[in-house]
N, C-alpha and C. Protein backbone atom coordinates (compact mmCIF):
# COMPACT_ATOMS: atom_id res chain seq x y z
N MET A 1 93.36 44.48 16.57
CA MET A 1 93.44 44.95 17.94
C MET A 1 93.48 46.49 17.93
N THR A 2 92.55 47.11 18.60
CA THR A 2 92.53 48.56 18.66
C THR A 2 93.49 49.04 19.73
N LYS A 3 93.73 50.34 19.70
CA LYS A 3 94.66 50.91 20.67
C LYS A 3 94.19 50.68 22.10
N THR A 4 92.88 50.74 22.33
CA THR A 4 92.36 50.54 23.68
C THR A 4 92.42 49.08 24.11
N ASP A 5 92.47 48.16 23.14
CA ASP A 5 92.58 46.72 23.46
C ASP A 5 94.02 46.32 23.75
N LYS A 6 94.96 47.12 23.27
CA LYS A 6 96.37 46.77 23.40
C LYS A 6 96.77 46.73 24.88
N LYS A 7 97.47 45.66 25.23
CA LYS A 7 97.97 45.51 26.59
C LYS A 7 98.98 46.62 26.88
N TYR A 8 98.86 47.20 28.07
CA TYR A 8 99.79 48.25 28.47
C TYR A 8 101.15 47.62 28.72
N ASP A 9 102.17 48.13 28.05
CA ASP A 9 103.50 47.54 28.13
C ASP A 9 104.51 48.64 28.47
N LEU A 10 104.87 48.73 29.73
CA LEU A 10 105.80 49.76 30.19
C LEU A 10 107.20 49.55 29.63
N GLU A 11 107.60 48.30 29.42
CA GLU A 11 108.90 48.04 28.80
C GLU A 11 108.96 48.66 27.42
N GLU A 12 107.92 48.45 26.64
CA GLU A 12 107.87 49.00 25.29
C GLU A 12 107.80 50.53 25.33
N ARG A 13 107.03 51.07 26.24
CA ARG A 13 106.88 52.52 26.34
C ARG A 13 108.22 53.18 26.68
N THR A 14 108.96 52.59 27.62
CA THR A 14 110.24 53.19 27.99
C THR A 14 111.26 53.04 26.86
N ALA A 15 111.20 51.93 26.13
CA ALA A 15 112.10 51.74 24.99
C ALA A 15 111.79 52.76 23.90
N LEU A 16 110.52 52.94 23.60
CA LEU A 16 110.13 53.93 22.58
C LEU A 16 110.54 55.34 22.98
N PHE A 17 110.44 55.64 24.26
CA PHE A 17 110.84 56.96 24.72
C PHE A 17 112.34 57.17 24.45
N GLY A 18 113.16 56.20 24.80
CA GLY A 18 114.59 56.30 24.53
C GLY A 18 114.86 56.46 23.04
N GLU A 19 114.16 55.69 22.22
CA GLU A 19 114.33 55.79 20.77
C GLU A 19 113.92 57.17 20.26
N ASN A 20 112.83 57.72 20.80
CA ASN A 20 112.38 59.05 20.38
C ASN A 20 113.39 60.12 20.76
N VAL A 21 114.01 59.99 21.91
CA VAL A 21 115.04 60.95 22.31
C VAL A 21 116.26 60.83 21.40
N ILE A 22 116.63 59.61 21.02
CA ILE A 22 117.76 59.43 20.10
C ILE A 22 117.46 60.12 18.77
N GLU A 23 116.26 59.90 18.25
CA GLU A 23 115.88 60.55 16.99
C GLU A 23 115.89 62.07 17.12
N PHE A 24 115.41 62.57 18.25
CA PHE A 24 115.41 64.00 18.52
C PHE A 24 116.85 64.53 18.54
N ALA A 25 117.74 63.82 19.21
CA ALA A 25 119.13 64.26 19.32
C ALA A 25 119.80 64.34 17.95
N LYS A 26 119.39 63.49 17.03
CA LYS A 26 119.98 63.50 15.69
C LYS A 26 119.74 64.80 14.94
N ILE A 27 118.67 65.50 15.29
CA ILE A 27 118.35 66.74 14.55
C ILE A 27 118.90 68.00 15.23
N LEU A 28 119.50 67.83 16.40
CA LEU A 28 120.08 68.98 17.09
C LEU A 28 121.42 69.35 16.47
N LYS A 29 121.80 70.61 16.67
CA LYS A 29 123.10 71.07 16.21
C LYS A 29 124.20 70.27 16.90
N LYS A 30 125.27 70.05 16.19
CA LYS A 30 126.45 69.38 16.76
C LYS A 30 127.48 70.47 17.04
N ASP A 31 127.43 71.03 18.23
CA ASP A 31 128.39 72.08 18.59
C ASP A 31 128.79 71.94 20.05
N MET A 32 129.59 72.88 20.53
CA MET A 32 130.15 72.84 21.86
C MET A 32 129.07 72.83 22.96
N ILE A 33 127.97 73.46 22.73
CA ILE A 33 126.89 73.52 23.72
C ILE A 33 126.02 72.27 23.64
N HIS A 34 125.63 71.89 22.46
CA HIS A 34 124.67 70.79 22.30
C HIS A 34 125.26 69.40 22.53
N SER A 35 126.52 69.21 22.16
CA SER A 35 127.10 67.87 22.28
C SER A 35 127.05 67.30 23.70
N PRO A 36 127.47 68.06 24.73
CA PRO A 36 127.35 67.49 26.08
C PRO A 36 125.90 67.29 26.52
N LEU A 37 125.02 68.17 26.09
CA LEU A 37 123.60 68.02 26.44
C LEU A 37 123.02 66.77 25.79
N MET A 38 123.39 66.54 24.53
CA MET A 38 122.90 65.34 23.83
C MET A 38 123.42 64.08 24.51
N ASN A 39 124.68 64.09 24.89
CA ASN A 39 125.25 62.94 25.57
C ASN A 39 124.48 62.64 26.85
N GLN A 40 124.22 63.66 27.62
CA GLN A 40 123.53 63.48 28.90
C GLN A 40 122.09 63.00 28.70
N ILE A 41 121.38 63.61 27.77
CA ILE A 41 119.97 63.23 27.61
C ILE A 41 119.83 61.82 27.02
N ILE A 42 120.73 61.44 26.15
CA ILE A 42 120.67 60.07 25.61
C ILE A 42 120.96 59.07 26.73
N ARG A 43 121.93 59.38 27.56
CA ARG A 43 122.24 58.47 28.68
C ARG A 43 121.06 58.33 29.64
N SER A 44 120.49 59.45 30.06
CA SER A 44 119.42 59.38 31.06
C SER A 44 118.13 58.79 30.48
N SER A 45 117.78 59.16 29.27
CA SER A 45 116.51 58.69 28.69
C SER A 45 116.55 57.20 28.35
N THR A 46 117.69 56.71 27.86
CA THR A 46 117.77 55.29 27.53
C THR A 46 117.97 54.43 28.77
N SER A 47 118.48 55.04 29.83
CA SER A 47 118.67 54.34 31.09
C SER A 47 117.33 53.96 31.73
N ILE A 48 116.30 54.72 31.46
CA ILE A 48 114.98 54.43 32.03
C ILE A 48 114.53 53.03 31.61
N GLY A 49 114.54 52.77 30.33
CA GLY A 49 114.12 51.47 29.82
C GLY A 49 115.04 50.35 30.24
N ALA A 50 116.34 50.61 30.23
CA ALA A 50 117.31 49.58 30.63
C ALA A 50 117.10 49.17 32.08
N ASN A 51 116.90 50.15 32.95
CA ASN A 51 116.69 49.83 34.37
C ASN A 51 115.34 49.18 34.61
N TYR A 52 114.33 49.56 33.82
CA TYR A 52 113.04 48.91 33.97
C TYR A 52 113.13 47.43 33.56
N MET A 53 113.85 47.16 32.49
CA MET A 53 114.04 45.76 32.08
C MET A 53 114.80 44.99 33.16
N GLU A 54 115.81 45.62 33.76
CA GLU A 54 116.54 44.98 34.84
C GLU A 54 115.63 44.74 36.04
N ALA A 55 114.75 45.69 36.33
CA ALA A 55 113.82 45.53 37.46
C ALA A 55 112.95 44.30 37.25
N ASN A 56 112.53 44.10 36.02
CA ASN A 56 111.66 42.95 35.72
C ASN A 56 112.40 41.61 35.85
N GLN A 57 113.71 41.65 35.91
CA GLN A 57 114.51 40.44 36.10
C GLN A 57 115.24 40.48 37.45
N ALA A 58 114.75 41.29 38.36
CA ALA A 58 115.43 41.49 39.64
C ALA A 58 115.55 40.19 40.42
N SER A 59 116.62 40.11 41.19
CA SER A 59 116.89 38.91 41.98
C SER A 59 116.21 38.94 43.34
N SER A 60 115.70 40.11 43.73
CA SER A 60 115.03 40.25 45.02
C SER A 60 114.09 41.45 44.98
N LYS A 61 113.24 41.55 45.99
CA LYS A 61 112.35 42.71 46.09
C LYS A 61 113.16 43.99 46.27
N LYS A 62 114.23 43.89 47.03
CA LYS A 62 115.10 45.05 47.26
C LYS A 62 115.73 45.50 45.94
N ASP A 63 116.21 44.56 45.15
CA ASP A 63 116.80 44.86 43.84
C ASP A 63 115.75 45.50 42.93
N PHE A 64 114.54 44.95 42.92
CA PHE A 64 113.44 45.51 42.11
C PHE A 64 113.17 46.96 42.52
N ARG A 65 113.03 47.18 43.81
CA ARG A 65 112.75 48.53 44.34
C ARG A 65 113.86 49.50 43.92
N ASN A 66 115.10 49.08 44.02
CA ASN A 66 116.22 49.93 43.65
C ASN A 66 116.18 50.30 42.17
N LYS A 67 115.93 49.34 41.31
CA LYS A 67 115.90 49.61 39.86
C LYS A 67 114.74 50.54 39.50
N ILE A 68 113.59 50.34 40.14
CA ILE A 68 112.44 51.21 39.88
C ILE A 68 112.75 52.64 40.33
N TYR A 69 113.42 52.77 41.46
CA TYR A 69 113.79 54.09 41.95
C TYR A 69 114.76 54.76 40.97
N ILE A 70 115.67 54.00 40.40
CA ILE A 70 116.58 54.55 39.40
C ILE A 70 115.80 55.01 38.17
N CYS A 71 114.79 54.25 37.76
CA CYS A 71 113.94 54.67 36.64
C CYS A 71 113.30 56.03 36.92
N LYS A 72 112.82 56.20 38.13
CA LYS A 72 112.21 57.47 38.54
C LYS A 72 113.24 58.60 38.47
N LYS A 73 114.42 58.37 39.00
CA LYS A 73 115.47 59.39 39.00
C LYS A 73 115.91 59.75 37.58
N GLU A 74 116.06 58.74 36.73
CA GLU A 74 116.48 58.99 35.35
C GLU A 74 115.41 59.74 34.56
N SER A 75 114.15 59.44 34.83
CA SER A 75 113.05 60.18 34.19
C SER A 75 113.12 61.65 34.57
N ASN A 76 113.35 61.89 35.84
CA ASN A 76 113.44 63.26 36.34
C ASN A 76 114.66 63.97 35.74
N GLU A 77 115.79 63.28 35.68
CA GLU A 77 117.00 63.87 35.10
C GLU A 77 116.78 64.22 33.63
N THR A 78 116.08 63.37 32.92
CA THR A 78 115.81 63.63 31.50
C THR A 78 115.04 64.93 31.33
N LYS A 79 114.12 65.20 32.22
CA LYS A 79 113.37 66.46 32.17
C LYS A 79 114.32 67.65 32.28
N HIS A 80 115.31 67.53 33.14
CA HIS A 80 116.30 68.61 33.31
C HIS A 80 117.04 68.87 31.99
N TRP A 81 117.52 67.80 31.36
CA TRP A 81 118.28 67.98 30.12
C TRP A 81 117.40 68.53 29.01
N LEU A 82 116.14 68.15 28.99
CA LEU A 82 115.23 68.72 27.99
C LEU A 82 115.06 70.22 28.21
N ARG A 83 115.00 70.62 29.45
CA ARG A 83 114.91 72.06 29.75
C ARG A 83 116.16 72.79 29.25
N MET A 84 117.33 72.20 29.47
CA MET A 84 118.58 72.82 29.03
C MET A 84 118.65 72.89 27.50
N ILE A 85 118.21 71.83 26.84
CA ILE A 85 118.21 71.82 25.37
C ILE A 85 117.24 72.86 24.84
N SER A 86 116.10 72.98 25.49
CA SER A 86 115.11 73.98 25.08
C SER A 86 115.70 75.39 25.18
N LYS A 87 116.49 75.62 26.20
CA LYS A 87 117.15 76.92 26.38
C LYS A 87 118.21 77.13 25.30
N ALA A 88 118.98 76.08 24.99
CA ALA A 88 120.04 76.17 23.99
C ALA A 88 119.49 76.28 22.57
N SER A 89 118.32 75.69 22.35
CA SER A 89 117.69 75.69 21.02
C SER A 89 116.22 76.06 21.15
N PRO A 90 115.91 77.33 21.30
CA PRO A 90 114.51 77.74 21.46
C PRO A 90 113.60 77.26 20.33
N ASP A 91 114.16 77.07 19.15
CA ASP A 91 113.36 76.58 18.02
C ASP A 91 112.91 75.13 18.21
N MET A 92 113.51 74.42 19.17
CA MET A 92 113.16 73.02 19.45
C MET A 92 112.28 72.90 20.70
N ALA A 93 111.83 74.02 21.23
CA ALA A 93 111.07 74.03 22.48
C ALA A 93 109.81 73.18 22.41
N ASN A 94 109.12 73.20 21.29
CA ASN A 94 107.88 72.42 21.18
C ASN A 94 108.15 70.93 21.26
N GLU A 95 109.19 70.47 20.56
CA GLU A 95 109.56 69.04 20.61
C GLU A 95 110.06 68.68 22.01
N CYS A 96 110.82 69.57 22.62
CA CYS A 96 111.28 69.33 24.00
C CYS A 96 110.09 69.20 24.94
N ARG A 97 109.09 70.02 24.75
CA ARG A 97 107.90 69.99 25.60
C ARG A 97 107.19 68.65 25.50
N LYS A 98 107.08 68.11 24.30
CA LYS A 98 106.42 66.80 24.10
C LYS A 98 107.22 65.70 24.81
N LEU A 99 108.52 65.70 24.62
CA LEU A 99 109.37 64.70 25.27
C LEU A 99 109.36 64.89 26.78
N TRP A 100 109.35 66.15 27.24
CA TRP A 100 109.30 66.44 28.67
C TRP A 100 108.02 65.87 29.27
N GLN A 101 106.91 66.00 28.56
CA GLN A 101 105.64 65.49 29.06
C GLN A 101 105.69 63.97 29.23
N GLU A 102 106.28 63.28 28.29
CA GLU A 102 106.41 61.83 28.41
C GLU A 102 107.35 61.47 29.56
N ALA A 103 108.45 62.20 29.72
CA ALA A 103 109.35 61.95 30.84
C ALA A 103 108.63 62.20 32.16
N GLN A 104 107.80 63.22 32.21
CA GLN A 104 107.01 63.51 33.41
C GLN A 104 106.04 62.37 33.71
N GLU A 105 105.36 61.87 32.70
CA GLU A 105 104.42 60.76 32.90
C GLU A 105 105.15 59.51 33.39
N LEU A 106 106.31 59.23 32.81
CA LEU A 106 107.10 58.08 33.26
C LEU A 106 107.55 58.27 34.71
N MET A 107 107.98 59.49 35.04
CA MET A 107 108.39 59.77 36.41
C MET A 107 107.23 59.54 37.38
N LEU A 108 106.04 59.96 37.00
CA LEU A 108 104.86 59.76 37.86
C LEU A 108 104.51 58.28 38.01
N ILE A 109 104.65 57.53 36.93
CA ILE A 109 104.39 56.09 36.99
C ILE A 109 105.37 55.42 37.95
N PHE A 110 106.65 55.74 37.79
CA PHE A 110 107.65 55.12 38.67
C PHE A 110 107.54 55.62 40.11
N SER A 111 107.09 56.84 40.29
CA SER A 111 106.83 57.36 41.64
C SER A 111 105.72 56.56 42.30
N LYS A 112 104.67 56.30 41.55
CA LYS A 112 103.54 55.52 42.08
C LYS A 112 103.99 54.11 42.45
N ILE A 113 104.81 53.51 41.60
CA ILE A 113 105.31 52.16 41.89
C ILE A 113 106.16 52.19 43.17
N THR A 114 107.04 53.18 43.32
CA THR A 114 107.88 53.23 44.52
C THR A 114 107.04 53.47 45.76
N ILE A 115 106.01 54.28 45.66
CA ILE A 115 105.11 54.52 46.80
C ILE A 115 104.41 53.21 47.18
N SER A 116 103.92 52.50 46.17
CA SER A 116 103.24 51.21 46.43
C SER A 116 104.19 50.22 47.07
N LEU A 117 105.43 50.16 46.58
CA LEU A 117 106.42 49.25 47.14
C LEU A 117 106.75 49.61 48.59
N ASN A 118 106.86 50.91 48.86
CA ASN A 118 107.16 51.34 50.23
C ASN A 118 106.00 51.07 51.17
N ASN A 119 104.77 51.19 50.67
CA ASN A 119 103.59 50.88 51.51
C ASN A 119 103.54 49.40 51.84
N LYS A 120 103.89 48.55 50.88
CA LYS A 120 103.92 47.10 51.13
C LYS A 120 105.00 46.74 52.12
N LYS A 121 106.10 47.45 52.06
CA LYS A 121 107.24 47.20 52.95
C LYS A 121 106.86 47.48 54.41
N GLU A 122 106.03 48.53 54.61
CA GLU A 122 105.64 48.92 55.95
C GLU A 122 104.58 48.01 56.56
N VAL A 123 103.86 47.27 55.73
CA VAL A 123 102.77 46.43 56.22
C VAL A 123 103.29 45.17 56.88
């Protein structure tokens, strides 16, 4: 199966993103500045996948919509923490940029889903 044949799996993508952020956090300095930033970014980045999995098991359309909206918010929050880490560790700016780009793409995906859900709600 080639990469283009592979079924698009947002659950897997969000899980991998959380795992990549965890691996990234492992290489950051453990000090007074970085520790709270690492805590925050691990929480927000791993929350994306957890909430997406919950959305897929939602008990109602309203529950699904809420979980997807949380995914969007957590993606956006992760971008903020990456910016702060980039400021605290300029030598990690390139890695932060790559992770930021993935967080941005996830945020756009979840934004599109919320827009679609809101359009269906109005019909």
